[in-house]
Amino acid sequence: MLPVVFFFFFLALFHCSKDEKLFFALIKAAFSQRRKTVLNSISSGMGVAKADVERALADSGISLTARAEQLELSDFAKIADNL
């Protein structure tokens, strides 16, 4: 399990957004609730208004019905940069 964590961290470094802390918090929030859309997970997990998350997703070119497991790390970086 530990090599997987290091691999994920290594990959994340190459896709990190302008705000690294926000980037990792966003990923944690997105995966914190099973069977939820990224919109709902990020909104509730980070305490961000749903309208702000909707705008960030739209600006990033990501569907409002997308789930966390469907996104690439670069998608999370785009969302973080647009929040």
N, C-alpha and C. Protein backbone atom coordinates (compact mmCIF):
# COMPACT_ATOMS: atom_id res chain seq x y z
N MET A 1 0.82 -1.19 0.00
CA MET A 1 0.00 0.00 0.00
C MET A 1 0.86 1.25 0.00
N LEU A 2 1.94 1.25 0.72
CA LEU A 2 2.81 2.42 0.82
C LEU A 2 3.37 2.85 -0.53
N PRO A 3 3.81 1.91 -1.40
CA PRO A 3 4.29 2.34 -2.71
C PRO A 3 3.22 3.05 -3.53
N VAL A 4 1.96 2.67 -3.37
CA VAL A 4 0.87 3.31 -4.08
C VAL A 4 0.73 4.76 -3.63
N VAL A 5 0.85 5.00 -2.33
CA VAL A 5 0.76 6.36 -1.79
C VAL A 5 1.89 7.21 -2.35
N PHE A 6 3.10 6.69 -2.35
CA PHE A 6 4.23 7.45 -2.89
C PHE A 6 4.07 7.71 -4.38
N PHE A 7 3.55 6.73 -5.10
CA PHE A 7 3.33 6.90 -6.53
C PHE A 7 2.30 8.01 -6.78
N PHE A 8 1.21 7.99 -6.00
CA PHE A 8 0.19 9.02 -6.14
C PHE A 8 0.77 10.40 -5.84
N PHE A 9 1.54 10.50 -4.77
CA PHE A 9 2.16 11.77 -4.40
C PHE A 9 3.10 12.25 -5.50
N PHE A 10 3.88 11.34 -6.07
CA PHE A 10 4.80 11.68 -7.15
C PHE A 10 4.04 12.21 -8.36
N LEU A 11 2.97 11.53 -8.74
CA LEU A 11 2.15 11.98 -9.87
C LEU A 11 1.51 13.34 -9.58
N ALA A 12 1.06 13.51 -8.37
CA ALA A 12 0.39 14.76 -8.00
C ALA A 12 1.33 15.95 -8.11
N LEU A 13 2.58 15.75 -7.84
CA LEU A 13 3.53 16.85 -7.92
C LEU A 13 3.62 17.42 -9.34
N PHE A 14 3.43 16.58 -10.33
CA PHE A 14 3.52 17.04 -11.71
C PHE A 14 2.22 17.69 -12.20
N HIS A 15 1.15 17.47 -11.50
CA HIS A 15 -0.15 18.02 -11.91
C HIS A 15 -0.67 19.05 -10.93
N CYS A 16 0.14 19.44 -10.00
CA CYS A 16 -0.30 20.31 -8.94
C CYS A 16 -0.72 21.68 -9.46
N SER A 17 -1.68 22.25 -8.81
CA SER A 17 -2.18 23.56 -9.19
C SER A 17 -1.32 24.66 -8.57
N LYS A 18 -1.76 25.88 -8.73
CA LYS A 18 -1.05 27.02 -8.17
C LYS A 18 -1.05 26.98 -6.65
N ASP A 19 -2.10 26.44 -6.06
CA ASP A 19 -2.23 26.34 -4.60
C ASP A 19 -2.21 24.87 -4.22
N GLU A 20 -1.05 24.38 -3.82
CA GLU A 20 -0.86 22.96 -3.52
C GLU A 20 -1.75 22.49 -2.39
N LYS A 21 -1.91 23.29 -1.36
CA LYS A 21 -2.74 22.92 -0.21
C LYS A 21 -4.20 22.74 -0.64
N LEU A 22 -4.70 23.66 -1.45
CA LEU A 22 -6.06 23.57 -1.96
C LEU A 22 -6.22 22.34 -2.86
N PHE A 23 -5.22 22.07 -3.68
CA PHE A 23 -5.23 20.92 -4.58
C PHE A 23 -5.43 19.61 -3.81
N PHE A 24 -4.65 19.41 -2.76
CA PHE A 24 -4.76 18.16 -2.00
C PHE A 24 -6.04 18.11 -1.18
N ALA A 25 -6.50 19.25 -0.66
CA ALA A 25 -7.76 19.30 0.08
C ALA A 25 -8.92 18.97 -0.85
N LEU A 26 -8.84 19.45 -2.08
CA LEU A 26 -9.87 19.19 -3.08
C LEU A 26 -9.96 17.70 -3.40
N ILE A 27 -8.83 17.06 -3.59
CA ILE A 27 -8.82 15.62 -3.88
C ILE A 27 -9.38 14.84 -2.69
N LYS A 28 -8.97 15.21 -1.50
CA LYS A 28 -9.47 14.53 -0.30
C LYS A 28 -10.98 14.67 -0.19
N ALA A 29 -11.50 15.87 -0.41
CA ALA A 29 -12.94 16.10 -0.34
C ALA A 29 -13.68 15.33 -1.43
N ALA A 30 -13.11 15.30 -2.63
CA ALA A 30 -13.76 14.64 -3.77
C ALA A 30 -13.93 13.14 -3.53
N PHE A 31 -12.96 12.52 -2.85
CA PHE A 31 -13.02 11.08 -2.62
C PHE A 31 -13.58 10.72 -1.24
N SER A 32 -13.99 11.72 -0.46
CA SER A 32 -14.42 11.45 0.91
C SER A 32 -15.81 10.83 1.00
N GLN A 33 -16.64 11.03 0.00
CA GLN A 33 -18.00 10.50 0.04
C GLN A 33 -18.23 9.58 -1.14
N ARG A 34 -18.58 8.36 -0.85
CA ARG A 34 -18.81 7.38 -1.91
C ARG A 34 -20.11 7.69 -2.66
N ARG A 35 -20.09 7.37 -3.94
CA ARG A 35 -21.28 7.46 -4.80
C ARG A 35 -21.85 8.88 -4.90
N LYS A 36 -21.00 9.87 -4.72
CA LYS A 36 -21.43 11.27 -4.86
C LYS A 36 -20.74 11.88 -6.06
N THR A 37 -21.36 12.89 -6.62
CA THR A 37 -20.70 13.61 -7.71
C THR A 37 -19.61 14.49 -7.11
N VAL A 38 -18.68 14.89 -7.96
CA VAL A 38 -17.61 15.78 -7.52
C VAL A 38 -18.22 17.08 -7.00
N LEU A 39 -19.25 17.56 -7.67
CA LEU A 39 -19.93 18.78 -7.27
C LEU A 39 -20.37 18.71 -5.81
N ASN A 40 -21.08 17.66 -5.46
CA ASN A 40 -21.59 17.51 -4.09
C ASN A 40 -20.48 17.22 -3.09
N SER A 41 -19.53 16.39 -3.46
CA SER A 41 -18.44 16.05 -2.54
C SER A 41 -17.59 17.26 -2.20
N ILE A 42 -17.23 18.03 -3.21
CA ILE A 42 -16.38 19.20 -2.97
C ILE A 42 -17.15 20.27 -2.20
N SER A 43 -18.39 20.47 -2.59
CA SER A 43 -19.21 21.49 -1.93
C SER A 43 -19.36 21.19 -0.44
N SER A 44 -19.75 19.99 -0.11
CA SER A 44 -19.96 19.65 1.30
C SER A 44 -18.64 19.39 2.04
N GLY A 45 -17.70 18.78 1.37
CA GLY A 45 -16.43 18.43 2.02
C GLY A 45 -15.52 19.61 2.30
N MET A 46 -15.66 20.66 1.49
CA MET A 46 -14.79 21.83 1.68
C MET A 46 -15.56 23.05 2.17
N GLY A 47 -16.87 22.91 2.29
CA GLY A 47 -17.67 24.04 2.75
C GLY A 47 -17.73 25.18 1.75
N VAL A 48 -17.68 24.84 0.47
CA VAL A 48 -17.73 25.83 -0.60
C VAL A 48 -19.15 25.85 -1.16
N ALA A 49 -19.64 27.04 -1.49
CA ALA A 49 -20.99 27.15 -2.05
C ALA A 49 -21.09 26.34 -3.34
N LYS A 50 -22.21 25.68 -3.51
CA LYS A 50 -22.42 24.84 -4.69
C LYS A 50 -22.27 25.63 -5.98
N ALA A 51 -22.74 26.87 -5.98
CA ALA A 51 -22.64 27.72 -7.18
C ALA A 51 -21.18 27.97 -7.55
N ASP A 52 -20.32 28.13 -6.55
CA ASP A 52 -18.89 28.35 -6.82
C ASP A 52 -18.24 27.10 -7.40
N VAL A 53 -18.64 25.93 -6.88
CA VAL A 53 -18.10 24.67 -7.40
C VAL A 53 -18.61 24.44 -8.82
N GLU A 54 -19.88 24.74 -9.07
CA GLU A 54 -20.45 24.60 -10.42
C GLU A 54 -19.68 25.46 -11.41
N ARG A 55 -19.38 26.70 -11.02
CA ARG A 55 -18.63 27.60 -11.90
C ARG A 55 -17.23 27.06 -12.16
N ALA A 56 -16.56 26.57 -11.11
CA ALA A 56 -15.20 26.04 -11.26
C ALA A 56 -15.19 24.82 -12.18
N LEU A 57 -16.19 23.94 -12.03
CA LEU A 57 -16.28 22.77 -12.90
C LEU A 57 -16.53 23.18 -14.34
N ALA A 58 -17.45 24.11 -14.54
CA ALA A 58 -17.76 24.57 -15.90
C ALA A 58 -16.54 25.22 -16.53
N ASP A 59 -15.84 26.06 -15.77
CA ASP A 59 -14.64 26.73 -16.29
C ASP A 59 -13.52 25.72 -16.60
N SER A 60 -13.56 24.58 -15.93
CA SER A 60 -12.55 23.54 -16.14
C SER A 60 -12.95 22.56 -17.23
N GLY A 61 -14.17 22.69 -17.75
CA GLY A 61 -14.64 21.79 -18.80
C GLY A 61 -15.03 20.42 -18.27
N ILE A 62 -15.49 20.37 -17.03
CA ILE A 62 -15.84 19.09 -16.39
C ILE A 62 -17.34 19.05 -16.14
N SER A 63 -17.93 17.93 -16.43
CA SER A 63 -19.37 17.75 -16.26
C SER A 63 -19.76 17.88 -14.79
N LEU A 64 -20.93 18.45 -14.57
CA LEU A 64 -21.44 18.60 -13.20
C LEU A 64 -21.83 17.26 -12.59
N THR A 65 -21.96 16.23 -13.41
CA THR A 65 -22.35 14.90 -12.92
C THR A 65 -21.15 13.95 -12.82
N ALA A 66 -19.95 14.47 -13.03
CA ALA A 66 -18.75 13.62 -12.97
C ALA A 66 -18.49 13.14 -11.53
N ARG A 67 -17.91 11.98 -11.44
CA ARG A 67 -17.50 11.43 -10.14
C ARG A 67 -15.98 11.49 -10.04
N ALA A 68 -15.48 11.51 -8.82
CA ALA A 68 -14.05 11.69 -8.57
C ALA A 68 -13.19 10.67 -9.32
N GLU A 69 -13.64 9.43 -9.34
CA GLU A 69 -12.83 8.38 -9.97
C GLU A 69 -12.75 8.52 -11.49
N GLN A 70 -13.57 9.37 -12.07
CA GLN A 70 -13.55 9.58 -13.52
C GLN A 70 -12.57 10.68 -13.94
N LEU A 71 -12.04 11.42 -12.97
CA LEU A 71 -11.20 12.57 -13.29
C LEU A 71 -9.72 12.23 -13.23
N GLU A 72 -8.95 12.97 -14.02
CA GLU A 72 -7.49 12.87 -13.99
C GLU A 72 -6.95 13.87 -12.96
N LEU A 73 -5.71 13.69 -12.56
CA LEU A 73 -5.11 14.64 -11.63
C LEU A 73 -5.08 16.05 -12.22
N SER A 74 -4.88 16.13 -13.52
CA SER A 74 -4.87 17.44 -14.16
C SER A 74 -6.23 18.12 -14.07
N ASP A 75 -7.31 17.31 -14.04
CA ASP A 75 -8.65 17.87 -13.87
C ASP A 75 -8.81 18.50 -12.48
N PHE A 76 -8.28 17.81 -11.49
CA PHE A 76 -8.34 18.35 -10.14
C PHE A 76 -7.54 19.65 -10.04
N ALA A 77 -6.42 19.70 -10.73
CA ALA A 77 -5.60 20.93 -10.73
C ALA A 77 -6.38 22.07 -11.37
N LYS A 78 -7.09 21.79 -12.46
CA LYS A 78 -7.91 22.83 -13.12
C LYS A 78 -9.01 23.33 -12.18
N ILE A 79 -9.67 22.40 -11.50
CA ILE A 79 -10.74 22.79 -10.58
C ILE A 79 -10.17 23.67 -9.48
N ALA A 80 -9.06 23.25 -8.89
CA ALA A 80 -8.44 24.02 -7.81
C ALA A 80 -8.07 25.43 -8.28
N ASP A 81 -7.55 25.52 -9.48
CA ASP A 81 -7.16 26.83 -10.02
C ASP A 81 -8.37 27.72 -10.29
N ASN A 82 -9.52 27.10 -10.54
CA ASN A 82 -10.72 27.88 -10.85
C ASN A 82 -11.61 28.15 -9.63
N LEU A 83 -11.27 27.57 -8.49
CA LEU A 83 -12.06 27.82 -7.29
C LEU A 83 -11.67 29.14 -6.66
